[in-house]
Each structure stands twice: as C-alpha cells, then as structure tokens.
Protein backbone atom coordinates (compact mmCIF):
# COMPACT_ATOMS: atom_id res chain seq x y z
CA MET A 1 4.44 -12.64 28.22
CA THR A 2 3.52 -14.90 25.57
CA ASN A 3 6.79 -15.10 23.32
CA GLY A 4 4.38 -15.93 20.51
CA VAL A 5 2.61 -13.64 18.64
CA TYR A 6 -0.94 -12.90 19.00
CA GLN A 7 -3.07 -12.54 15.79
CA PRO A 8 -6.87 -10.86 16.21
CA PHE A 9 -7.90 -11.70 12.82
CA LYS A 10 -7.00 -14.90 13.00
CA ASN A 11 -10.54 -15.48 15.87
CA PHE A 12 -11.79 -12.51 15.40
CA ASP A 13 -11.17 -11.01 18.81
CA PHE A 14 -12.97 -7.54 18.61
CA LYS A 15 -15.47 -8.34 21.77
CA SER A 16 -13.83 -6.10 23.98
CA ASP A 17 -12.69 -9.18 26.37
CA ARG A 18 -8.90 -9.07 25.60
CA CYS A 19 -6.15 -6.41 24.90
CA PHE A 20 -6.19 -5.04 21.60
CA LEU A 21 -2.59 -4.97 21.91
CA SER A 22 -1.52 -8.18 23.35
CA GLY A 23 -5.01 -10.60 23.96
CA ASP A 24 -3.88 -10.30 27.28
CA PRO A 25 -7.60 -10.97 29.10
CA THR A 26 -7.25 -9.65 32.36
CA SER A 27 -6.72 -6.70 34.22
CA LEU A 28 -8.89 -4.55 31.15
CA ILE A 29 -8.92 -1.10 31.00
CA ASN A 30 -10.98 1.08 28.16
CA ILE A 31 -8.33 3.64 26.93
CA ASN A 32 -10.01 6.69 24.79
CA VAL A 33 -9.19 6.23 21.25
CA LEU A 34 -8.34 9.51 21.06
CA PRO A 35 -6.54 10.93 24.13
CA ASP A 36 -8.23 12.88 26.85
CA TRP A 37 -4.52 14.97 25.86
CA LEU A 38 -5.25 15.65 22.44
CA LEU A 39 -8.86 16.64 22.58
CA GLU A 40 -8.04 18.74 25.83
CA MET A 41 -4.97 20.35 23.34
CA ALA A 42 -7.76 20.41 19.80
CA GLY A 43 -9.81 22.63 22.48
CA LEU A 44 -12.56 19.82 21.89
CA THR A 45 -15.63 18.02 24.39
CA GLY A 46 -15.20 14.89 22.99
CA ASN A 47 -19.07 15.46 22.84
CA GLU A 48 -18.10 15.82 18.41
CA GLN A 49 -19.18 13.03 16.72
CA ILE A 50 -17.74 10.78 14.30
CA LYS A 51 -19.64 8.04 11.24
CA LEU A 52 -18.56 5.31 11.67
CA LEU A 53 -18.79 2.04 8.28
CA ASP A 54 -22.10 0.71 9.85
CA GLU A 55 -23.66 4.41 9.83
CA THR A 56 -23.86 4.28 13.85
CA ILE A 57 -23.09 8.08 14.63
CA ARG A 58 -20.53 7.96 17.47
CA THR A 59 -18.92 10.87 20.16
CA TYR A 60 -15.06 10.93 19.92
CA ARG A 61 -15.71 10.23 24.05
CA SER A 62 -17.29 7.77 23.05
CA LEU A 63 -14.75 5.67 20.93
CA ILE A 64 -12.81 3.15 23.05
CA VAL A 65 -10.93 0.22 23.11
CA PRO A 66 -9.81 -2.49 26.28
CA CYS A 67 -6.26 -2.45 26.99
CA ASN A 68 -4.36 -4.92 29.59
CA ALA A 69 -4.00 -2.31 32.77
CA GLY A 70 -0.12 -3.02 33.05
CA ILE A 71 0.53 -2.04 29.32
CA ASN A 72 -1.78 0.78 29.54
CA ASP A 73 0.70 2.12 32.50
CA ASN A 74 3.27 1.19 31.57
CA HIS A 75 3.89 1.53 27.41
CA VAL A 76 0.70 2.56 26.30
CA SER A 77 0.86 6.14 28.68
CA LYS A 78 4.17 6.22 28.49
CA LEU A 79 4.27 6.74 24.36
CA GLU A 80 0.85 8.69 25.05
CA ASP A 81 2.99 11.66 27.01
CA ARG A 82 6.08 11.66 24.68
CA ILE A 83 3.97 12.66 21.40
CA ALA A 84 2.14 14.85 24.24
CA LEU A 85 4.41 17.32 24.90
CA ALA A 86 5.99 17.05 21.38
CA PHE A 87 2.14 18.53 20.28
CA ALA A 88 2.56 20.95 23.03
CA LYS A 89 6.33 22.21 21.76
CA GLY A 90 4.39 21.93 17.79
CA TYR A 91 6.63 21.14 14.98
CA ALA A 92 9.95 22.07 17.30
CA GLY A 93 8.18 18.92 19.49
CA VAL A 94 6.89 17.14 16.62
CA SER A 95 10.19 17.73 13.44
CA GLU A 96 12.25 15.78 16.53
CA LEU A 97 9.93 12.39 17.62
CA PRO A 98 11.38 9.57 16.61
CA GLU A 99 9.75 7.91 13.41
CA ILE A 100 9.01 5.17 14.82
CA ASP A 101 7.13 7.44 17.86
CA LEU A 102 5.39 8.50 15.70
CA PHE A 103 4.45 5.06 14.05
CA ASN A 104 3.26 3.72 16.84
CA TRP A 105 1.06 6.37 17.93
CA ILE A 106 -0.76 6.95 14.77
CA GLY A 107 -1.16 3.13 14.30
CA LYS A 108 -3.02 2.44 17.11
CA MET A 109 -5.35 5.61 16.14
CA LEU A 110 -5.88 3.65 13.41
CA TYR A 111 -6.13 0.42 14.00
CA SER A 112 -8.60 1.37 17.61
CA PHE A 113 -10.77 2.91 14.71
CA LEU A 114 -10.53 -0.92 12.44
CA TYR A 115 -11.01 -2.51 15.99
CA ILE A 116 -14.22 -0.74 17.01
CA GLU A 117 -15.73 -0.90 13.09
CA MET A 118 -14.81 -4.64 13.06
CA GLN A 119 -16.88 -4.87 16.01
CA GLY A 120 -19.96 -2.35 14.29
CA ALA A 121 -19.30 -5.61 10.98
CA ILE A 122 -19.82 -8.59 13.95
CA ARG A 123 -23.03 -7.07 14.27
CA LEU A 124 -24.52 -6.48 11.21
CA GLN A 125 -23.52 -10.30 10.46
CA GLN A 126 -20.64 -9.38 8.34
CA LEU A 127 -17.42 -10.55 9.26
CA SER A 128 -17.98 -13.70 12.06
CA GLY A 129 -15.86 -16.81 12.55
CA ASP A 130 -16.85 -18.86 9.95
CA GLY A 131 -16.98 -16.14 7.10
CA MET A 132 -16.31 -11.84 6.20
CA ASN A 133 -17.00 -9.68 3.65
CA MET A 134 -13.55 -8.59 3.75
CA SER A 135 -10.46 -9.50 1.43
CA GLN A 136 -8.04 -11.98 2.69
CA GLY A 137 -5.18 -9.15 1.18
CA LEU A 138 -7.10 -6.73 3.69
CA MET A 139 -6.55 -8.77 7.03
CA HIS A 140 -3.34 -9.51 5.51
CA LYS A 141 -2.31 -6.01 5.76
CA PHE A 142 -3.83 -5.72 9.12
CA GLY A 143 -2.65 -8.45 10.77
CA ASN A 144 0.89 -7.33 9.74
CA LEU A 145 -0.27 -3.85 11.06
CA HIS A 146 -1.23 -5.27 14.59
CA THR A 147 1.94 -8.08 14.72
CA MET A 148 4.07 -4.24 14.05
CA LEU A 149 2.36 -2.50 16.93
CA GLN A 150 2.89 -5.53 19.15
CA ARG A 151 6.34 -2.87 19.55
CA ILE A 152 4.44 -0.72 22.02
CA TYR A 153 4.69 -3.19 24.37
CA ARG A 154 7.19 -5.98 23.03
CA ALA A 155 10.96 -6.24 21.29
CA VAL A 156 10.07 -5.82 18.10
CA VAL A 157 13.00 -5.91 15.70
CA PHE A 158 12.52 -4.31 11.76
CA GLU A 159 15.33 -5.88 9.92
CA ASP A 160 17.00 -2.95 7.92
CA PHE A 161 13.62 -1.59 7.13
CA VAL A 162 10.81 0.45 7.73
CA PRO A 163 7.21 -0.01 7.26
CA TRP A 164 5.77 3.28 7.20
CA SER A 165 6.66 7.00 4.84
CA ILE A 166 5.84 9.94 7.24
CA VAL A 167 6.39 13.78 6.20
CA VAL A 168 5.95 16.40 9.25
CA VAL A 169 5.65 19.54 7.31
CA LYS A 170 5.34 23.45 9.58
CA LEU A 171 2.56 25.77 8.92
CA GLN A 172 2.04 29.61 7.98
CA GLU A 173 -0.01 30.15 10.37
CA ALA A 174 0.79 29.09 14.08
CA ASP A 175 -2.50 28.13 15.40
CA GLU A 176 -4.30 26.03 12.43
CA ALA A 177 -7.40 23.98 13.97
CA PHE A 178 -7.03 20.93 14.55
CA SER A 179 -8.46 18.49 12.31
CA PHE A 180 -7.56 14.73 10.49
CA ARG A 181 -8.44 12.37 8.22
CA ASP A 182 -7.52 8.99 7.44
CA GLU A 183 -7.95 5.77 5.23
CA ILE A 184 -8.18 2.33 6.84
CA ASN A 185 -8.28 0.02 3.57
CA THR A 186 -5.12 2.22 2.85
CA LEU A 187 -3.05 2.51 6.30
CA THR A 188 -3.53 6.15 5.07
CA PHE A 189 -3.60 8.80 7.88
CA SER A 190 -3.26 12.65 7.84
CA LEU A 191 -3.71 15.42 10.79
CA LYS A 192 -2.68 19.45 11.33
CA MET A 193 -2.97 21.27 14.64
CA LYS A 194 -0.86 24.76 15.50
CA ASP A 195 1.99 25.13 12.93
CA PHE A 196 2.55 21.13 11.50
CA GLY A 197 1.00 18.76 9.82
CA ILE A 198 2.05 15.35 8.93
CA ILE A 199 0.94 12.66 6.55
CA ALA A 200 1.52 8.85 6.59
CA CYS A 201 1.06 5.43 4.68
CA LEU A 202 1.67 2.30 7.92
CA GLN A 203 2.37 -0.01 5.49
CA ASP A 204 4.30 0.86 2.19
CA ASN A 205 8.08 0.10 3.21
CA GLY A 206 9.09 3.77 2.10
CA THR A 207 7.39 3.58 -1.25
CA ASN A 208 4.51 6.39 -1.06
CA LYS A 209 7.58 8.93 0.44
CA ARG A 210 10.20 8.48 -2.75
CA TYR A 211 7.59 8.67 -5.13
CA HIS A 212 6.77 12.02 -3.89
CA GLN A 213 10.46 12.39 -3.49
CA GLU A 214 11.09 15.76 -5.67
CA LEU A 215 8.12 17.90 -4.42
CA LEU A 216 9.32 17.23 -1.03
CA ASP A 217 12.98 18.04 -1.41
CA SER A 218 11.84 21.65 -2.84
CA ILE A 219 10.03 22.31 0.30
CA GLU A 220 12.12 21.34 3.12
CA GLY A 221 12.71 23.51 5.06
CA LYS A 222 9.93 26.04 4.13
CA ALA A 223 6.83 26.75 6.07
CA LEU A 224 3.52 25.59 3.89
CA SER A 225 0.33 27.28 3.44
CA VAL A 226 -1.85 25.17 4.87
CA GLN A 227 -3.90 24.82 1.49
CA GLN A 228 -0.19 23.83 0.38
CA TYR A 229 -0.17 20.84 3.13
CA GLU A 230 -4.01 19.84 2.25
CA GLU A 231 -2.14 19.54 -1.82
CA ILE A 232 0.67 17.21 -0.59
CA ALA A 233 -2.29 14.88 2.04
CA ALA A 234 -3.88 14.67 -1.62
CA ARG A 235 -1.37 13.76 -3.41
CA PHE A 236 -0.65 10.91 -0.38
CA PHE A 237 -4.19 9.96 -0.68
CA TYR A 238 -4.42 9.25 -3.64
CA SER A 239 -0.73 7.64 -4.18
CA ALA A 240 -1.61 4.83 -1.41
CA TYR A 241 -4.62 4.17 -3.46
CA LEU A 242 -2.58 3.90 -6.39
CA PHE A 243 0.12 1.47 -5.36
CA ASN A 244 -0.86 -1.67 -5.51
CA ARG A 245 1.66 -4.70 -4.23
CA LEU A 246 0.53 -6.67 -0.66
CA PRO A 247 3.75 -6.14 1.63
CA GLU A 248 5.09 -9.07 2.52
CA TYR A 249 7.14 -10.27 5.65
CA ALA A 250 9.38 -12.75 7.33
CA ILE A 251 7.46 -12.64 10.61
CA MET A 252 9.56 -14.85 13.36
CA PRO A 253 9.29 -14.45 16.74
CA VAL A 254 12.42 -15.52 18.43
CA GLU A 255 12.26 -15.70 22.14
CA GLU A 256 10.78 -12.45 23.43
CA THR A 257 11.70 -10.94 20.34
CA ILE A 258 9.79 -10.87 17.02
CA TYR A 259 12.12 -10.17 14.09
CA ILE A 260 10.18 -8.72 10.73
CA ASP A 261 11.99 -8.65 7.71
CA ALA A 262 10.47 -7.23 4.83
CA MET A 263 9.92 -9.34 1.18
CA PRO A 264 11.17 -7.23 -2.12
CA LEU A 265 7.87 -5.31 -2.84
CA LYS A 266 8.95 -6.30 -6.83
CA GLY A 267 8.03 -10.04 -6.55
CA THR A 268 7.94 -12.13 -9.52
CA LEU A 269 5.29 -8.80 -11.05
CA ASN A 270 6.74 -6.78 -14.33
CA LYS A 271 4.96 -3.86 -13.46
CA ALA A 272 5.12 -0.29 -11.55
CA LEU A 273 4.68 -1.12 -7.78
CA PHE A 274 1.96 2.48 -8.80
CA ASP A 275 -1.18 1.75 -11.22
CA VAL A 276 -1.48 4.58 -13.72
CA TRP A 277 -1.28 8.03 -12.17
CA MET A 278 -4.56 9.85 -13.69
CA HIS A 279 -5.01 13.38 -13.98
CA LYS A 280 -8.92 13.75 -13.16
CA THR A 281 -8.91 11.27 -10.37
CA TYR A 282 -6.25 12.88 -8.37
CA ALA A 283 -8.28 16.48 -9.47
CA GLN A 284 -11.61 14.76 -7.59
CA VAL A 285 -9.63 13.67 -4.23
CA LEU A 286 -8.00 17.51 -4.46
CA GLU A 287 -11.10 19.06 -4.69
CA ASN A 288 -12.33 17.00 -1.48
CA PHE A 289 -8.71 17.97 0.54
CA TRP A 290 -9.81 21.78 -0.89
CA LYS A 291 -13.22 21.75 0.16
CA PRO A 292 -13.04 24.91 2.74
CA TRP A 293 -11.55 27.10 0.52
CA GLY A 294 -14.51 26.46 -2.48
CA HIS A 295 -12.58 24.74 -5.46
CA THR A 296 -13.88 23.29 -8.06
CA LEU A 297 -12.91 19.98 -9.75
CA PHE A 298 -13.89 22.27 -13.07
CA GLU A 299 -11.45 24.88 -11.81
CA ILE A 300 -9.09 22.22 -10.71
CA ILE A 301 -8.52 20.57 -13.39
CA LYS A 302 -9.76 23.17 -15.96
CA ASP A 303 -6.48 22.55 -17.67
CA PRO A 304 -6.23 18.86 -17.89
CA SER A 305 -2.45 18.37 -18.03
CA ALA A 306 -1.63 20.50 -15.54
CA PRO A 307 -3.77 20.60 -12.30
CA MET A 308 -3.71 23.54 -10.28
CA SER A 309 -1.54 23.55 -7.94
CA TYR A 310 -0.53 26.05 -5.04
CA PHE A 311 3.45 25.54 -5.55
CA GLU A 312 5.43 27.28 -7.92
CA GLN A 313 7.08 23.90 -9.40
CA PRO A 314 4.81 21.49 -8.91
CA PHE A 315 6.27 18.31 -9.53
CA LEU A 316 3.40 15.99 -10.15
CA PRO A 317 3.67 12.58 -11.30
CA SER A 318 4.07 11.72 -14.83
CA ALA A 319 -0.13 11.44 -15.75
CA GLY A 320 -1.17 8.60 -18.47
C-alpha cells in the first residue's frame, strides 16, 4: 500500500484502468454504483434508467466503476454489508449507524457517479490532460472528497472535525418507495425508503446542519410526513447552493495514515458563510421537491414573506 495520497484529478484517471479508490492498476473488477442489495431491497430490476450530464441514458445496472478486488472484498463489500443490514431494519437500524459509515457509503456513491460523468466529459473532449471545462474549485472539492473516501480502505484521521452534515429522520409511513437525489456540484444527497430518510452535505464541515439547527431541534424524536421530509431536503439543497466557501484542508500523509485538518471557514472573508436566502428561489426548489403533490410555485409563494410549509413552526432562515 502506498504511503502517499492518490490524487486522480492530477492525471485525470477516469479510464477504468485503475481502482477508482486507490489507483491500483492490478486485479481490477467492476462494481455496481447502485449495489445489488439496494436494488433488490428497493424492488427495482436494475433496468430503470438515468440520464447523465452528457445526455446519454444508462440503466442502473450498467453504472459500474473499476475497483481492486482485494479492496472490494476486504473493505468495500464489508461497508456495503453494514449499510445493507441497517437499511433492512429501517430507521431503527439506519439511525444507529456511525455517521462515518454513511459518509463513506454516500460519498462512494456520489464519487462513482462523478467518475462516470468524467468519462462522459472525456468522450465529449470536454476534459483532457491539457484542459477541462470544469472550475479549479470544483476539481479541488472533488479531489478532497476522494482523499477523504480513502478512509474506506486505509487509515484516514479527521483532526477534531467532521467534513459532513448528515441528518437521518423517521418517516410516518413504513413503506415509502425508494428514491434518491444528488447534486454533484454541491455534493448534496438525499434518499428515502421504508420508514427513513437521509439528507447529507458531504463537504461543508457541518455548516448546513448548524444553519438549519432550529428546525432540526424542533423535529427531534418525531416521525415526519414525506412532505415534511422533502421540505427539509429542499432546504438543505438550497442552503448548500448558498454556502459560499470552498473548505480548505491540510492533508498530511504520515507513514500509512492520512491526517486531515480543516482550515477555518471564515478565512480572510468578512462576510457570512451563506449568501442571502431568497424565499422566491427557495420556493422554486421546493416546487420541484413537492412535485408529486402538485403544489405550484404560485401556491407555495402566495405569501412572499412566508412560503408554504408543512411545519407548524417553519423556522425559515431570514430572507433578503
């Protein structure tokens, strides 16, 4: 095992000739981005389709990434087993999972989607070793996520911080259909099934969770309707968009361990960590999340100073 830090964005290693986690070019196998256990538990066939950023249509089962067989057998598969066991128990199991397991599992999924999207960008000649149609800030953010995900198979220590905001909630219904959303640019993710919902921002150092802490405190110990869950998810997706810092980390490989220390988010910028919350923009996000219930933007923002909410006390951030 290398003592350094594998950095796939340096040489754009997205050609399926190296392990997506470690960079090891040997003993490669393909693993599914959406694992078989998840498809089976969600009642899916794997033939369901997803549209990628390059406009190609792929089935769930065709989404694969290369992985070293030993890393898969000894680490990735064991992570999948822990998540599968928890998901099978519903909220009772998922709520007991260590957040680091959820971070690793969700992060692995999001990075795998990113890996496949990068392959599409290479095919369209939007990405090459000479230049790319992606900001340096995004590459930096994705590279940091990948470094953190190496904790799946080797020792990585977060020095007195966690890089994520993760929320697990109980749903009122016991058999909600499986669905998930992701926003790669902000590394935001949500998933619901059975009687639980998960919302995660993977690289904000806990800031989005603190931003919505008043609402989260008000629902502690309560089962939510699916509309309430989607409302909270919409708030996290929108606030992740408003989050205006690119977290910086000191990354120090020492022998076989990677130590990661978070730099202060305030930095030298004399402004708030989030851009101004706009109710109208938030309502547009919410309309999309509430699409199954047919709520129109006009209905949601009928009172411009108080968007519609399924909570008695909405605890919305102050708007500009």
